[in-house]
Protein backbone atom coordinates (compact mmCIF):
# COMPACT_ATOMS: atom_id res chain seq x y z
CA LEU A 1 104.98 -3.55 -68.61
CA ASN A 2 102.71 -2.27 -71.36
CA ARG A 3 99.37 -0.51 -71.19
CA LEU A 4 96.63 -2.25 -73.13
CA GLU A 5 95.31 0.21 -75.69
CA GLY A 6 91.93 1.69 -74.79
CA SER A 7 92.08 0.20 -71.30
CA THR A 8 93.19 0.97 -67.75
CA LEU A 9 94.94 -2.41 -67.64
CA TYR A 10 98.67 -3.04 -67.96
CA ARG A 11 100.25 -6.31 -69.07
CA LEU A 12 103.33 -7.43 -67.16
CA ARG A 13 105.53 -9.94 -68.98
CA VAL A 14 108.47 -11.53 -67.19
CA VAL A 15 110.70 -14.47 -67.99
CA LEU A 16 112.22 -16.14 -64.94
CA GLN A 17 115.45 -17.93 -65.73
CA ASN A 18 117.38 -20.22 -63.42
CA ARG A 19 121.06 -19.96 -64.30
CA ALA A 20 122.10 -22.08 -61.33
CA ASP A 21 123.21 -25.70 -61.49
CA THR A 22 120.45 -26.74 -59.05
CA ALA A 23 116.72 -26.28 -58.80
CA LEU A 24 115.51 -23.16 -56.98
CA MET A 25 112.24 -22.31 -55.25
CA MET A 26 109.98 -19.96 -57.19
CA PRO A 27 110.53 -16.36 -56.04
CA ALA A 28 107.88 -13.80 -55.17
CA LEU A 29 107.83 -10.59 -57.24
CA GLU A 30 107.48 -7.10 -55.81
CA LEU A 31 106.02 -4.74 -58.42
CA THR A 32 106.23 -1.00 -57.75
CA LEU A 33 104.44 1.39 -60.12
CA ASN A 34 105.31 5.10 -60.35
CA ASP A 35 103.85 8.18 -62.03
CA ALA A 36 105.76 10.65 -64.25
CA GLN A 37 107.13 12.46 -61.16
CA GLY A 38 108.41 9.21 -59.67
CA LYS A 39 105.70 9.12 -56.99
CA LEU A 40 104.34 5.79 -55.88
CA VAL A 41 101.12 4.77 -57.64
CA ALA A 42 100.94 1.20 -56.30
CA ARG A 43 103.09 -1.53 -54.79
CA ARG A 44 102.19 -5.19 -54.68
CA VAL A 45 103.86 -8.48 -53.85
CA LEU A 46 102.87 -11.18 -56.32
CA GLN A 47 103.23 -14.78 -55.20
CA PRO A 48 104.01 -17.49 -57.79
CA ALA A 49 100.54 -19.05 -57.38
CA GLU A 50 98.88 -15.67 -58.10
CA LEU A 51 100.87 -15.48 -61.33
CA GLY A 52 99.66 -18.87 -62.48
CA ALA A 53 103.06 -20.54 -62.03
CA PRO A 54 102.35 -24.27 -62.41
CA GLN A 55 105.26 -25.29 -60.21
CA THR A 56 106.98 -24.46 -56.92
CA ARG A 57 110.53 -24.96 -58.25
CA LEU A 58 112.47 -23.72 -61.24
CA GLN A 59 114.79 -26.45 -62.47
CA ALA A 60 118.44 -25.80 -63.38
CA GLY A 61 118.63 -23.98 -66.72
CA GLU A 62 114.84 -23.66 -66.95
CA GLU A 63 113.01 -20.56 -68.20
CA LEU A 64 109.42 -19.76 -67.23
CA PRO A 65 107.49 -16.98 -68.99
CA ILE A 66 104.91 -15.24 -66.81
CA THR A 67 102.19 -12.81 -67.86
CA ALA A 68 99.91 -10.89 -65.49
CA LEU A 69 97.32 -8.15 -65.89
CA VAL A 70 97.56 -5.19 -63.52
CA SER A 71 94.84 -2.60 -62.96
CA THR A 72 95.53 0.88 -61.56
CA GLY A 73 92.07 2.30 -62.10
CA GLU A 74 92.40 5.74 -63.70
CA ARG A 75 95.92 6.34 -62.34
CA ARG A 76 98.55 6.52 -65.08
CA VAL A 77 101.80 4.58 -64.75
CA ASP A 78 105.01 5.93 -66.29
CA GLY A 79 107.62 3.74 -64.62
CA TYR A 80 108.04 0.59 -62.58
CA THR A 81 110.51 -1.60 -60.73
CA LEU A 82 110.34 -5.33 -60.33
CA GLU A 83 112.25 -7.12 -57.59
CA LEU A 84 112.53 -10.87 -57.05
CA PHE A 85 112.81 -12.16 -53.49
CA TYR A 86 112.22 -15.19 -51.32
CA PRO A 87 109.75 -14.47 -48.49
């Protein structure tokens, strides 16, 4: 997660990798953004379709790079967590 210089936008870059021997459904991503004191700035669940994922499955051994822009308005972000899950 990197802030775009001169902007209030952040760029999230993630590479999903399927290390299994079988195809898996695309997971959802939960992104939690925190300030310097560790307080919650924003939390959002991102579905694969929102991230521009062109598929619903990740084949065995496949990697899929994903990039998303995140806006927090004027609130500064100093940390984040990213969790994958299947809703």
